[in-house]
């Protein structure tokens, strides 16, 4: 019995050492980006990405908690407007604030994640003409402190999949109008 406990303890110590030593070599910053081309004029796309209410209409996270509680502060579509959400464990809690608008090219927000883990990121939506349509690029940039920077290894997959899903919803909305 002591031998089994000793093996378990050694295994835990080795795994913890690998985790903490590995985190020393992993970047602390992350960048996630996804793009889609929408067969609609830029003005149509812009009208769905230039406000917090607009973002809410195609957010991939709304499906994770249809009962999420949302409040808005300030004049939506202007710098300083705020979107606050409180949801289940899949959605968490956070605050998103419009930080920059360059009409009709880009819309930027600062996100403060409160639960399940505290963190901050900057999200950007950029529009560009592509043929007769509009290319939409959605990106997220942030920083995780050591040792939580190991999460950087999973950000592209986790956030990127959600961004692709949301951009697909945006495409459907814009092309159906």
N, C-alpha and C. Protein backbone atom coordinates (compact mmCIF):
# COMPACT_ATOMS: atom_id res chain seq x y z
N UNK A 1 0.82 -1.20 0.00
CA UNK A 1 0.00 0.00 0.00
C UNK A 1 0.86 1.26 0.00
N UNK A 2 1.93 1.26 0.82
CA UNK A 2 2.82 2.42 0.87
C UNK A 2 3.49 2.64 -0.47
N UNK A 3 3.82 1.56 -1.15
CA UNK A 3 4.48 1.66 -2.45
C UNK A 3 3.56 2.32 -3.47
N UNK A 4 2.29 1.99 -3.46
CA UNK A 4 1.31 2.58 -4.38
C UNK A 4 1.15 4.08 -4.08
N UNK A 5 1.05 4.44 -2.83
CA UNK A 5 0.93 5.85 -2.45
C UNK A 5 2.18 6.62 -2.85
N UNK A 6 3.34 6.00 -2.70
CA UNK A 6 4.59 6.64 -3.07
C UNK A 6 4.63 6.89 -4.58
N UNK A 7 4.18 5.93 -5.37
CA UNK A 7 4.14 6.08 -6.83
C UNK A 7 3.17 7.19 -7.23
N UNK A 8 2.03 7.23 -6.58
CA UNK A 8 1.03 8.27 -6.87
C UNK A 8 1.61 9.65 -6.52
N UNK A 9 2.23 9.77 -5.37
CA UNK A 9 2.82 11.04 -4.95
C UNK A 9 3.93 11.48 -5.91
N UNK A 10 4.78 10.58 -6.30
CA UNK A 10 5.86 10.91 -7.25
C UNK A 10 5.26 11.35 -8.59
N UNK A 11 4.24 10.67 -9.04
CA UNK A 11 3.58 11.04 -10.29
C UNK A 11 3.00 12.44 -10.22
N UNK A 12 2.36 12.77 -9.12
CA UNK A 12 1.78 14.11 -8.93
C UNK A 12 2.87 15.16 -8.92
N UNK A 13 3.95 14.90 -8.22
CA UNK A 13 5.07 15.86 -8.15
C UNK A 13 5.68 16.06 -9.54
N UNK A 14 5.88 15.00 -10.28
CA UNK A 14 6.46 15.10 -11.63
C UNK A 14 5.52 15.89 -12.55
N UNK A 15 4.24 15.60 -12.51
CA UNK A 15 3.28 16.33 -13.35
C UNK A 15 3.25 17.82 -12.98
N UNK A 16 3.27 18.12 -11.70
CA UNK A 16 3.28 19.52 -11.26
C UNK A 16 4.56 20.21 -11.73
N UNK A 17 5.69 19.53 -11.64
CA UNK A 17 6.96 20.11 -12.09
C UNK A 17 6.92 20.37 -13.59
N UNK A 18 6.40 19.42 -14.36
CA UNK A 18 6.29 19.60 -15.81
C UNK A 18 5.39 20.80 -16.11
N UNK A 19 4.27 20.92 -15.40
CA UNK A 19 3.35 22.03 -15.59
C UNK A 19 4.05 23.38 -15.33
N UNK A 20 4.66 23.51 -14.17
CA UNK A 20 5.27 24.79 -13.80
C UNK A 20 6.52 25.12 -14.61
N UNK A 21 7.32 24.12 -14.91
CA UNK A 21 8.51 24.37 -15.73
C UNK A 21 8.08 24.66 -17.18
N UNK A 22 7.12 23.89 -17.68
CA UNK A 22 6.63 24.12 -19.04
C UNK A 22 6.06 25.52 -19.20
N UNK A 23 5.37 26.02 -18.20
CA UNK A 23 4.76 27.36 -18.26
C UNK A 23 5.81 28.45 -18.41
N UNK A 24 7.02 28.18 -17.98
CA UNK A 24 8.11 29.16 -18.13
C UNK A 24 8.44 29.41 -19.60
N UNK A 25 8.16 28.44 -20.46
CA UNK A 25 8.54 28.51 -21.87
C UNK A 25 7.38 28.82 -22.81
N UNK A 26 6.21 28.98 -22.25
CA UNK A 26 5.01 29.26 -23.06
C UNK A 26 4.78 30.77 -23.06
N UNK A 27 4.45 31.34 -24.22
CA UNK A 27 4.18 32.79 -24.27
C UNK A 27 3.05 33.17 -23.31
N UNK A 28 3.10 34.39 -22.85
CA UNK A 28 2.06 34.88 -21.95
C UNK A 28 0.95 35.61 -22.71
N UNK A 29 1.19 35.88 -23.98
CA UNK A 29 0.18 36.58 -24.79
C UNK A 29 -0.42 35.62 -25.80
N UNK A 30 -1.64 35.95 -26.22
CA UNK A 30 -2.30 35.14 -27.24
C UNK A 30 -3.01 36.04 -28.24
N UNK A 31 -3.17 35.50 -29.43
CA UNK A 31 -3.91 36.16 -30.51
C UNK A 31 -4.72 35.08 -31.21
N UNK A 32 -6.03 35.29 -31.24
CA UNK A 32 -6.93 34.37 -31.93
C UNK A 32 -7.63 35.16 -33.01
N UNK A 33 -7.72 34.58 -34.20
CA UNK A 33 -8.33 35.32 -35.31
C UNK A 33 -9.04 34.36 -36.26
N UNK A 34 -10.24 34.76 -36.68
CA UNK A 34 -11.00 34.02 -37.67
C UNK A 34 -11.61 35.02 -38.64
N UNK A 35 -11.77 34.58 -39.90
CA UNK A 35 -12.35 35.45 -40.93
C UNK A 35 -13.39 34.69 -41.72
N UNK A 36 -14.29 35.46 -42.33
CA UNK A 36 -15.30 34.89 -43.21
C UNK A 36 -15.65 35.96 -44.25
N UNK A 37 -16.02 35.53 -45.43
CA UNK A 37 -16.48 36.47 -46.45
C UNK A 37 -17.99 36.36 -46.53
N UNK A 38 -18.63 37.49 -46.41
CA UNK A 38 -20.09 37.57 -46.43
C UNK A 38 -20.53 38.22 -47.73
N UNK A 39 -21.46 37.58 -48.41
CA UNK A 39 -21.97 38.10 -49.68
C UNK A 39 -23.04 39.15 -49.41
N UNK A 40 -22.57 40.26 -48.89
CA UNK A 40 -23.45 41.39 -48.58
C UNK A 40 -22.57 42.65 -48.59
N UNK A 41 -23.18 43.79 -48.89
CA UNK A 41 -22.39 45.03 -48.87
C UNK A 41 -21.90 45.35 -47.46
N UNK A 42 -20.81 46.10 -47.40
CA UNK A 42 -20.19 46.46 -46.13
C UNK A 42 -21.19 47.15 -45.20
N UNK A 43 -22.05 47.99 -45.75
CA UNK A 43 -23.03 48.72 -44.91
C UNK A 43 -23.94 47.74 -44.18
N UNK A 44 -24.36 46.67 -44.85
CA UNK A 44 -25.23 45.66 -44.23
C UNK A 44 -24.49 44.96 -43.09
N UNK A 45 -23.25 44.58 -43.35
CA UNK A 45 -22.45 43.90 -42.33
C UNK A 45 -22.19 44.85 -41.16
N UNK A 46 -21.80 46.09 -41.49
CA UNK A 46 -21.50 47.08 -40.46
C UNK A 46 -22.68 47.27 -39.51
N UNK A 47 -23.88 47.27 -40.04
CA UNK A 47 -25.05 47.49 -39.18
C UNK A 47 -25.25 46.37 -38.17
N UNK A 48 -24.61 45.23 -38.38
CA UNK A 48 -24.73 44.11 -37.45
C UNK A 48 -23.51 43.94 -36.53
N UNK A 49 -22.48 44.76 -36.74
CA UNK A 49 -21.28 44.63 -35.90
C UNK A 49 -20.92 45.91 -35.17
N UNK A 50 -21.64 46.99 -35.39
CA UNK A 50 -21.22 48.30 -34.87
C UNK A 50 -21.85 48.68 -33.53
N UNK A 51 -22.43 47.70 -32.84
CA UNK A 51 -23.04 47.99 -31.54
C UNK A 51 -23.03 46.74 -30.68
N UNK A 52 -23.21 46.92 -29.40
CA UNK A 52 -23.26 45.78 -28.48
C UNK A 52 -24.52 44.96 -28.70
N UNK A 53 -25.65 45.61 -29.01
CA UNK A 53 -26.87 44.88 -29.33
C UNK A 53 -26.67 44.07 -30.60
N UNK A 54 -25.97 44.66 -31.57
CA UNK A 54 -25.69 43.94 -32.81
C UNK A 54 -24.85 42.71 -32.56
N UNK A 55 -23.80 42.84 -31.75
CA UNK A 55 -22.96 41.69 -31.41
C UNK A 55 -23.76 40.60 -30.72
N UNK A 56 -24.66 41.00 -29.85
CA UNK A 56 -25.48 40.05 -29.11
C UNK A 56 -26.32 39.19 -30.05
N UNK A 57 -26.78 39.76 -31.15
CA UNK A 57 -27.68 39.03 -32.05
C UNK A 57 -27.01 37.84 -32.74
N UNK A 58 -25.69 37.82 -32.82
CA UNK A 58 -25.02 36.67 -33.45
C UNK A 58 -23.94 36.05 -32.57
N UNK A 59 -23.93 36.41 -31.29
CA UNK A 59 -22.95 35.88 -30.35
C UNK A 59 -23.07 34.36 -30.22
N UNK A 60 -21.98 33.63 -30.37
CA UNK A 60 -22.03 32.18 -30.20
C UNK A 60 -22.25 31.74 -28.75
N UNK A 61 -22.00 32.65 -27.81
CA UNK A 61 -22.13 32.27 -26.40
C UNK A 61 -23.57 32.33 -25.90
N UNK A 62 -24.44 33.00 -26.62
CA UNK A 62 -25.84 33.09 -26.18
C UNK A 62 -26.48 31.70 -26.18
N UNK A 63 -26.12 30.87 -27.15
CA UNK A 63 -26.66 29.51 -27.20
C UNK A 63 -26.25 28.69 -25.98
N UNK A 64 -25.09 28.98 -25.41
CA UNK A 64 -24.61 28.23 -24.25
C UNK A 64 -25.45 28.51 -23.02
N UNK A 65 -26.11 29.66 -22.98
CA UNK A 65 -27.00 29.99 -21.86
C UNK A 65 -28.08 30.96 -22.34
N UNK A 66 -29.20 30.42 -22.84
CA UNK A 66 -30.27 31.30 -23.32
C UNK A 66 -30.87 32.18 -22.21
N UNK A 67 -30.59 31.85 -20.95
CA UNK A 67 -31.13 32.62 -19.83
C UNK A 67 -30.13 33.62 -19.26
N UNK A 68 -29.05 33.87 -19.98
CA UNK A 68 -28.05 34.81 -19.51
C UNK A 68 -28.69 36.16 -19.22
N UNK A 69 -28.28 36.79 -18.13
CA UNK A 69 -28.81 38.12 -17.77
C UNK A 69 -27.86 39.17 -18.34
N UNK A 70 -28.44 40.11 -19.09
CA UNK A 70 -27.65 41.12 -19.78
C UNK A 70 -28.17 42.50 -19.43
N UNK A 71 -27.24 43.41 -19.15
CA UNK A 71 -27.60 44.82 -18.97
C UNK A 71 -26.68 45.66 -19.84
N UNK A 72 -27.20 46.79 -20.28
CA UNK A 72 -26.44 47.73 -21.10
C UNK A 72 -26.36 49.06 -20.38
N UNK A 73 -25.24 49.74 -20.56
CA UNK A 73 -25.07 51.08 -20.00
C UNK A 73 -24.52 51.99 -21.08
N UNK A 74 -24.92 53.24 -21.05
CA UNK A 74 -24.42 54.21 -22.02
C UNK A 74 -25.16 54.13 -23.34
N UNK A 75 -24.73 54.93 -24.28
CA UNK A 75 -25.35 54.96 -25.60
C UNK A 75 -24.68 53.91 -26.49
N UNK A 76 -25.43 52.85 -26.79
CA UNK A 76 -24.88 51.76 -27.59
C UNK A 76 -24.40 52.28 -28.94
N UNK A 77 -23.30 51.72 -29.41
CA UNK A 77 -22.73 52.14 -30.68
C UNK A 77 -21.77 53.31 -30.54
N UNK A 78 -21.47 53.70 -29.30
CA UNK A 78 -20.51 54.78 -29.06
C UNK A 78 -19.45 54.29 -28.08
N UNK A 79 -18.27 54.89 -28.17
CA UNK A 79 -17.17 54.53 -27.27
C UNK A 79 -17.62 54.76 -25.83
N UNK A 80 -17.36 53.76 -24.99
CA UNK A 80 -17.74 53.84 -23.58
C UNK A 80 -19.00 53.06 -23.23
N UNK A 81 -19.80 52.68 -24.22
CA UNK A 81 -21.01 51.88 -23.94
C UNK A 81 -20.58 50.52 -23.39
N UNK A 82 -21.39 49.98 -22.48
CA UNK A 82 -21.03 48.77 -21.74
C UNK A 82 -22.11 47.70 -21.85
N UNK A 83 -21.65 46.46 -21.95
CA UNK A 83 -22.49 45.26 -21.99
C UNK A 83 -22.03 44.39 -20.83
N UNK A 84 -22.92 44.09 -19.89
CA UNK A 84 -22.56 43.27 -18.73
C UNK A 84 -23.40 42.01 -18.78
N UNK A 85 -22.76 40.86 -18.65
CA UNK A 85 -23.49 39.60 -18.67
C UNK A 85 -23.19 38.78 -17.44
N UNK A 86 -24.20 38.01 -17.00
CA UNK A 86 -24.05 37.04 -15.93
C UNK A 86 -24.79 35.79 -16.39
N UNK A 87 -24.04 34.71 -16.54
CA UNK A 87 -24.64 33.48 -17.06
C UNK A 87 -24.25 32.26 -16.27
N UNK A 88 -24.55 31.11 -16.86
CA UNK A 88 -24.22 29.84 -16.22
C UNK A 88 -22.71 29.60 -16.26
N UNK A 89 -22.28 28.42 -15.87
CA UNK A 89 -20.84 28.14 -15.80
C UNK A 89 -20.18 28.12 -17.18
N UNK A 90 -20.95 27.90 -18.23
CA UNK A 90 -20.39 27.92 -19.59
C UNK A 90 -20.13 29.34 -20.08
N UNK A 91 -20.91 30.29 -19.59
CA UNK A 91 -20.84 31.67 -20.07
C UNK A 91 -20.10 32.57 -19.08
N UNK A 92 -20.25 32.31 -17.80
CA UNK A 92 -19.57 33.10 -16.79
C UNK A 92 -20.15 34.50 -16.63
N UNK A 93 -19.30 35.41 -16.19
CA UNK A 93 -19.70 36.80 -15.99
C UNK A 93 -18.61 37.70 -16.52
N UNK A 94 -19.04 38.83 -17.08
CA UNK A 94 -18.04 39.77 -17.59
C UNK A 94 -18.65 41.08 -18.03
N UNK A 95 -17.77 41.96 -18.45
CA UNK A 95 -18.15 43.29 -18.91
C UNK A 95 -17.40 43.57 -20.20
N UNK A 96 -18.13 44.01 -21.22
CA UNK A 96 -17.53 44.36 -22.50
C UNK A 96 -17.82 45.82 -22.78
N UNK A 97 -16.77 46.60 -23.06
CA UNK A 97 -16.88 48.04 -23.24
C UNK A 97 -16.36 48.42 -24.63
N UNK A 98 -17.14 49.21 -25.35
CA UNK A 98 -16.69 49.68 -26.65
C UNK A 98 -15.50 50.61 -26.43
N UNK A 99 -14.37 50.29 -27.08
CA UNK A 99 -13.15 51.08 -26.87
C UNK A 99 -12.76 51.92 -28.09
N UNK A 100 -13.21 51.52 -29.29
CA UNK A 100 -12.83 52.27 -30.48
C UNK A 100 -13.75 51.90 -31.64
N UNK A 101 -14.14 52.92 -32.40
CA UNK A 101 -14.97 52.69 -33.59
C UNK A 101 -14.37 53.50 -34.74
N UNK A 102 -14.12 52.83 -35.85
CA UNK A 102 -13.69 53.50 -37.06
C UNK A 102 -14.68 53.11 -38.16
N UNK A 103 -15.74 53.88 -38.26
CA UNK A 103 -16.83 53.56 -39.16
C UNK A 103 -16.41 53.71 -40.61
N UNK A 104 -16.74 52.84 -41.50
CA UNK A 104 -17.35 51.51 -41.35
C UNK A 104 -16.32 50.40 -41.46
N UNK A 105 -15.18 50.56 -40.81
CA UNK A 105 -14.08 49.60 -40.98
C UNK A 105 -13.79 48.71 -39.78
N UNK A 106 -13.88 49.26 -38.56
CA UNK A 106 -13.51 48.44 -37.41
C UNK A 106 -14.27 48.84 -36.15
N UNK A 107 -14.46 47.85 -35.32
CA UNK A 107 -15.20 47.98 -34.06
C UNK A 107 -14.39 47.24 -33.01
N UNK A 108 -13.96 47.92 -31.96
CA UNK A 108 -13.10 47.31 -30.94
C UNK A 108 -13.74 47.42 -29.56
N UNK A 109 -13.54 46.36 -28.77
CA UNK A 109 -14.05 46.35 -27.41
C UNK A 109 -12.98 45.82 -26.46
N UNK A 110 -13.11 46.23 -25.21
CA UNK A 110 -12.27 45.70 -24.14
C UNK A 110 -13.17 44.80 -23.30
N UNK A 111 -12.71 43.59 -23.03
CA UNK A 111 -13.51 42.62 -22.28
C UNK A 111 -12.84 42.33 -20.95
N UNK A 112 -13.62 42.45 -19.88
CA UNK A 112 -13.14 42.06 -18.56
C UNK A 112 -13.94 40.84 -18.14
N UNK A 113 -13.29 39.69 -18.13
CA UNK A 113 -13.92 38.45 -17.68
C UNK A 113 -13.83 38.42 -16.16
N UNK A 114 -14.95 38.21 -15.51
CA UNK A 114 -14.99 38.21 -14.05
C UNK A 114 -15.04 36.77 -13.52
N UNK A 115 -15.93 35.96 -14.07
CA UNK A 115 -16.07 34.55 -13.66
C UNK A 115 -16.13 33.70 -14.92
N UNK A 116 -15.63 32.53 -14.95
CA UNK A 116 -15.11 31.77 -13.83
C UNK A 116 -13.69 32.17 -13.44
N UNK A 117 -12.95 32.87 -14.34
CA UNK A 117 -11.61 33.34 -13.99
C UNK A 117 -11.48 34.79 -14.41
N UNK A 118 -10.80 35.55 -13.59
CA UNK A 118 -10.58 36.96 -13.89
C UNK A 118 -9.56 37.09 -15.02
N UNK A 119 -9.86 37.97 -15.97
CA UNK A 119 -8.94 38.20 -17.07
C UNK A 119 -9.43 39.32 -17.95
N UNK A 120 -8.55 39.81 -18.82
CA UNK A 120 -8.91 40.90 -19.73
C UNK A 120 -8.38 40.60 -21.12
N UNK A 121 -9.14 41.02 -22.12
CA UNK A 121 -8.76 40.85 -23.51
C UNK A 121 -9.31 42.00 -24.32
N UNK A 122 -8.78 42.15 -25.53
CA UNK A 122 -9.30 43.13 -26.47
C UNK A 122 -9.78 42.40 -27.71
N UNK A 123 -11.03 42.68 -28.11
CA UNK A 123 -11.62 42.06 -29.29
C UNK A 123 -11.77 43.11 -30.38
N UNK A 124 -11.53 42.69 -31.61
CA UNK A 124 -11.63 43.59 -32.76
C UNK A 124 -12.39 42.92 -33.88
N UNK A 125 -13.22 43.69 -34.55
CA UNK A 125 -13.89 43.23 -35.75
C UNK A 125 -13.50 44.21 -36.85
N UNK A 126 -12.89 43.67 -37.89
CA UNK A 126 -12.45 44.50 -39.02
C UNK A 126 -13.17 44.07 -40.29
N UNK A 127 -13.60 45.05 -41.08
CA UNK A 127 -14.29 44.80 -42.34
C UNK A 127 -13.41 45.27 -43.49
N UNK A 128 -13.44 44.51 -44.59
CA UNK A 128 -12.71 44.88 -45.79
C UNK A 128 -13.50 44.39 -47.00
N UNK A 129 -13.45 45.16 -48.07
CA UNK A 129 -14.10 44.73 -49.30
C UNK A 129 -13.38 43.51 -49.84
N UNK A 130 -14.17 42.54 -50.29
CA UNK A 130 -13.60 41.36 -50.93
C UNK A 130 -14.52 40.98 -52.08
N UNK A 131 -14.11 41.34 -53.29
CA UNK A 131 -14.97 41.13 -54.45
C UNK A 131 -16.23 41.94 -54.29
N UNK A 132 -17.37 41.27 -54.43
CA UNK A 132 -18.65 41.96 -54.24
C UNK A 132 -19.16 41.81 -52.81
N UNK A 133 -18.38 41.15 -51.97
CA UNK A 133 -18.78 40.93 -50.59
C UNK A 133 -17.92 41.69 -49.60
N UNK A 134 -18.01 41.26 -48.35
CA UNK A 134 -17.27 41.89 -47.26
C UNK A 134 -16.56 40.82 -46.46
N UNK A 135 -15.25 41.00 -46.28
CA UNK A 135 -14.48 40.09 -45.44
C UNK A 135 -14.54 40.62 -44.02
N UNK A 136 -14.94 39.75 -43.10
CA UNK A 136 -15.03 40.10 -41.68
C UNK A 136 -13.96 39.31 -40.94
N UNK A 137 -13.12 40.02 -40.20
CA UNK A 137 -12.09 39.38 -39.39
C UNK A 137 -12.36 39.72 -37.93
N UNK A 138 -12.50 38.69 -37.12
CA UNK A 138 -12.79 38.84 -35.69
C UNK A 138 -11.56 38.33 -34.95
N UNK A 139 -11.00 39.15 -34.09
CA UNK A 139 -9.79 38.73 -33.36
C UNK A 139 -9.89 39.05 -31.87
N UNK A 140 -9.06 38.36 -31.12
CA UNK A 140 -9.00 38.54 -29.67
C UNK A 140 -7.53 38.50 -29.26
N UNK A 141 -7.12 39.49 -28.48
CA UNK A 141 -5.76 39.55 -27.98
C UNK A 141 -5.79 39.69 -26.47
N UNK A 142 -4.92 38.95 -25.81
CA UNK A 142 -4.89 39.04 -24.36
C UNK A 142 -3.58 38.52 -23.79
N UNK A 143 -3.53 38.51 -22.48
CA UNK A 143 -2.32 38.09 -21.78
C UNK A 143 -2.74 37.31 -20.54
N UNK A 144 -2.07 36.20 -20.30
CA UNK A 144 -2.29 35.40 -19.09
C UNK A 144 -1.00 35.36 -18.30
N UNK A 145 -1.06 35.64 -16.99
CA UNK A 145 0.15 35.60 -16.17
C UNK A 145 0.60 34.16 -15.91
N UNK A 146 1.88 34.02 -15.60
CA UNK A 146 2.43 32.72 -15.20
C UNK A 146 1.76 32.27 -13.92
N UNK A 147 1.39 31.06 -13.73
CA UNK A 147 1.51 29.90 -14.60
C UNK A 147 0.26 29.66 -15.45
N UNK A 148 -0.72 30.55 -15.35
CA UNK A 148 -1.96 30.35 -16.11
C UNK A 148 -1.75 30.53 -17.61
N UNK A 149 -0.55 30.99 -17.99
CA UNK A 149 -0.27 31.15 -19.41
C UNK A 149 -0.31 29.81 -20.17
N UNK A 150 -0.36 28.69 -19.46
CA UNK A 150 -0.51 27.41 -20.15
C UNK A 150 -1.85 27.37 -20.90
N UNK A 151 -2.80 28.19 -20.48
CA UNK A 151 -4.09 28.26 -21.18
C UNK A 151 -3.93 28.80 -22.60
N UNK A 152 -2.85 29.54 -22.86
CA UNK A 152 -2.58 30.07 -24.19
C UNK A 152 -2.56 28.93 -25.21
N UNK A 153 -2.13 27.75 -24.79
CA UNK A 153 -2.06 26.60 -25.69
C UNK A 153 -3.44 26.18 -26.21
N UNK A 154 -4.49 26.53 -25.48
CA UNK A 154 -5.84 26.08 -25.84
C UNK A 154 -6.72 27.20 -26.38
N UNK A 155 -6.25 28.44 -26.31
CA UNK A 155 -7.09 29.59 -26.69
C UNK A 155 -7.51 29.55 -28.16
N UNK A 156 -6.58 29.23 -29.05
CA UNK A 156 -6.92 29.27 -30.47
C UNK A 156 -8.05 28.29 -30.78
N UNK A 157 -7.98 27.11 -30.25
CA UNK A 157 -9.02 26.10 -30.50
C UNK A 157 -10.33 26.51 -29.83
N UNK A 158 -10.29 26.83 -28.55
CA UNK A 158 -11.51 27.13 -27.81
C UNK A 158 -12.20 28.39 -28.33
N UNK A 159 -11.48 29.49 -28.37
CA UNK A 159 -12.07 30.75 -28.83
C UNK A 159 -12.28 30.73 -30.33
N UNK A 160 -11.32 30.19 -31.07
CA UNK A 160 -11.43 30.16 -32.53
C UNK A 160 -12.66 29.42 -33.01
N UNK A 161 -12.97 28.28 -32.39
CA UNK A 161 -14.18 27.54 -32.77
C UNK A 161 -15.44 28.37 -32.53
N UNK A 162 -15.47 29.08 -31.40
CA UNK A 162 -16.63 29.92 -31.11
C UNK A 162 -16.71 31.10 -32.08
N UNK A 163 -15.57 31.69 -32.41
CA UNK A 163 -15.56 32.79 -33.37
C UNK A 163 -16.06 32.33 -34.74
N UNK A 164 -15.63 31.16 -35.18
CA UNK A 164 -16.10 30.63 -36.47
C UNK A 164 -17.62 30.42 -36.45
N UNK A 165 -18.12 29.91 -35.36
CA UNK A 165 -19.56 29.69 -35.20
C UNK A 165 -20.31 31.03 -35.25
N UNK A 166 -19.82 32.03 -34.52
CA UNK A 166 -20.46 33.34 -34.51
C UNK A 166 -20.40 34.01 -35.87
N UNK A 167 -19.28 33.92 -36.56
CA UNK A 167 -19.17 34.51 -37.89
C UNK A 167 -20.12 33.82 -38.87
N UNK A 168 -20.34 32.53 -38.70
CA UNK A 168 -21.31 31.82 -39.52
C UNK A 168 -22.72 32.36 -39.30
N UNK A 169 -23.05 32.63 -38.03
CA UNK A 169 -24.36 33.22 -37.71
C UNK A 169 -24.48 34.62 -38.30
N UNK A 170 -23.40 35.41 -38.22
CA UNK A 170 -23.41 36.75 -38.79
C UNK A 170 -23.63 36.68 -40.30
N UNK A 171 -22.98 35.75 -40.96
CA UNK A 171 -23.13 35.56 -42.40
C UNK A 171 -24.58 35.26 -42.76
N UNK A 172 -25.20 34.37 -42.00
CA UNK A 172 -26.60 34.03 -42.24
C UNK A 172 -27.50 35.24 -42.08
N UNK A 173 -27.29 36.01 -41.04
CA UNK A 173 -28.10 37.20 -40.78
C UNK A 173 -27.94 38.22 -41.92
N UNK A 174 -26.70 38.50 -42.29
CA UNK A 174 -26.43 39.54 -43.30
C UNK A 174 -26.90 39.12 -44.70
N UNK A 175 -26.74 37.85 -45.03
CA UNK A 175 -27.11 37.41 -46.36
C UNK A 175 -28.60 37.17 -46.52
N UNK A 176 -29.32 37.08 -45.41
CA UNK A 176 -30.78 36.87 -45.50
C UNK A 176 -31.54 38.19 -45.62
N UNK A 177 -30.88 39.30 -45.39
CA UNK A 177 -31.55 40.60 -45.49
C UNK A 177 -31.56 41.11 -46.91
